[in-house]
Amino acid sequence: MRNLCRFTIPIALAAAGCAGTTGPRTVANPDPSVKIPLVEEAVRKHDHSIVPQLVHDLRSDDPLVRMCAIDALRDLTGQGTKGYNYYEDDDARRPAEEQWEQWLAAGNR
């Protein structure tokens, strides 16, 4: 994944403070301090089973989650970004989100 995502993880973890995380240790966990390291691990292992969750995460309210999701999708699928920019507003991101959803619905991983 891009270095940018790796640099932001310590910031996200520091922002989470010392509070313990809750929920399962899966990429579906809504807590970025749990989700993001697991996404990075899955990318290192070339684990395409997380692709559906990554496509879902493109619609996250958290820009850090969106950034890591698109980075991971690009790295795992070789599909580029399909015009997705994590920092744009909801309306601007929507067409690319729909392209990723259609790509996934077509049976791609």
Protein backbone atom coordinates (compact mmCIF):
# COMPACT_ATOMS: atom_id res chain seq x y z
CA MET A 1 0.00 0.00 0.00
CA ARG A 2 1.11 3.56 -0.44
CA ASN A 3 3.42 5.00 2.17
CA LEU A 4 0.83 7.67 2.95
CA CYS A 5 -1.49 5.06 4.45
CA ARG A 6 1.35 3.60 6.51
CA PHE A 7 2.22 7.00 7.91
CA THR A 8 -1.33 7.75 8.95
CA ILE A 9 -1.82 4.54 10.92
CA PRO A 10 0.31 5.66 13.88
CA ILE A 11 -1.63 8.92 13.92
CA ALA A 12 -4.95 7.04 13.93
CA LEU A 13 -3.76 4.74 16.68
CA ALA A 14 -2.52 7.66 18.76
CA ALA A 15 -5.85 9.42 18.27
CA ALA A 16 -7.60 6.32 19.59
CA GLY A 17 -5.74 6.80 22.86
CA CYS A 18 -5.29 4.03 25.35
CA ALA A 19 -8.86 2.83 25.17
CA GLY A 20 -9.19 -0.84 24.33
CA THR A 21 -10.73 -1.75 21.02
CA THR A 22 -13.98 -3.59 20.83
CA GLY A 23 -15.41 -6.02 18.35
CA PRO A 24 -13.84 -8.72 16.25
CA ARG A 25 -10.35 -8.45 14.81
CA THR A 26 -11.51 -8.48 11.20
CA VAL A 27 -11.43 -6.01 8.33
CA ALA A 28 -15.17 -5.55 8.92
CA ASN A 29 -14.51 -3.98 12.33
CA PRO A 30 -15.62 -0.33 12.23
CA ASP A 31 -12.70 0.73 14.46
CA PRO A 32 -9.92 2.04 12.16
CA SER A 33 -7.25 1.10 14.71
CA VAL A 34 -8.32 -2.54 14.22
CA LYS A 35 -9.37 -2.45 10.57
CA ILE A 36 -6.40 -0.69 8.96
CA PRO A 37 -3.57 -2.90 10.25
CA LEU A 38 -5.59 -5.97 9.23
CA VAL A 39 -6.14 -4.55 5.75
CA GLU A 40 -2.40 -3.93 5.40
CA GLU A 41 -1.68 -7.48 6.55
CA ALA A 42 -4.17 -8.91 4.05
CA VAL A 43 -2.59 -6.89 1.23
CA ARG A 44 0.86 -8.20 2.16
CA LYS A 45 -0.56 -11.74 1.99
CA HIS A 46 -2.39 -11.03 -1.30
CA ASP A 47 -5.66 -12.01 0.41
CA HIS A 48 -8.39 -11.13 -2.09
CA SER A 49 -11.14 -12.29 0.27
CA ILE A 50 -11.20 -8.77 1.75
CA VAL A 51 -12.08 -7.10 -1.57
CA PRO A 52 -15.86 -6.97 -0.90
CA GLN A 53 -15.24 -5.23 2.44
CA LEU A 54 -12.84 -2.79 0.79
CA VAL A 55 -15.46 -1.87 -1.80
CA HIS A 56 -17.94 -1.33 1.05
CA ASP A 57 -15.38 0.82 2.89
CA LEU A 58 -15.20 3.24 -0.03
CA ARG A 59 -18.45 4.67 1.39
CA SER A 60 -17.05 5.04 4.93
CA ASP A 61 -17.52 8.31 6.79
CA ASP A 62 -13.85 8.10 7.80
CA PRO A 63 -11.45 9.49 5.17
CA LEU A 64 -8.59 7.40 6.56
CA VAL A 65 -10.63 4.21 6.07
CA ARG A 66 -11.54 5.34 2.54
CA MET A 67 -7.92 6.12 1.70
CA CYS A 68 -6.68 2.74 2.90
CA ALA A 69 -9.54 0.96 1.14
CA ILE A 70 -8.75 2.47 -2.25
CA ASP A 71 -5.02 1.91 -1.78
CA ALA A 72 -5.66 -1.75 -0.94
CA LEU A 73 -8.07 -2.20 -3.85
CA ARG A 74 -5.54 -0.75 -6.25
CA ASP A 75 -2.78 -2.99 -4.90
CA LEU A 76 -4.85 -6.19 -4.76
CA THR A 77 -6.78 -5.87 -8.00
CA GLY A 78 -4.51 -3.94 -10.33
CA GLN A 79 -7.58 -1.92 -11.36
CA GLY A 80 -6.23 1.51 -10.47
CA THR A 81 -8.72 3.73 -8.66
CA LYS A 82 -11.53 3.95 -11.25
CA GLY A 83 -11.46 7.70 -10.63
CA TYR A 84 -12.03 7.35 -6.88
CA ASN A 85 -10.57 10.08 -4.66
CA TYR A 86 -11.05 9.42 -0.95
CA TYR A 87 -10.93 13.15 -0.08
CA GLU A 88 -13.80 14.22 -2.36
CA ASP A 89 -17.34 14.75 -1.09
CA ASP A 90 -20.01 12.04 -1.26
CA ASP A 91 -21.49 13.20 -4.57
CA ALA A 92 -18.12 13.40 -6.29
CA ARG A 93 -17.11 9.91 -5.07
CA ARG A 94 -20.41 8.25 -5.98
CA PRO A 95 -19.70 7.42 -9.67
CA ALA A 96 -16.43 5.68 -8.83
CA GLU A 97 -18.04 3.85 -5.89
CA GLU A 98 -20.71 2.57 -8.26
CA GLN A 99 -18.05 1.44 -10.74
CA TRP A 100 -16.33 -0.56 -8.00
CA GLU A 101 -19.66 -2.06 -6.91
CA GLN A 102 -20.48 -3.08 -10.50
CA TRP A 103 -17.00 -4.56 -10.91
CA LEU A 104 -17.52 -6.60 -7.74
CA ALA A 105 -21.06 -7.66 -8.74
CA ALA A 106 -19.64 -8.99 -12.02
CA GLY A 107 -17.77 -11.58 -9.96
CA ASN A 108 -14.38 -9.91 -9.92
CA ARG A 109 -12.05 -10.04 -6.96
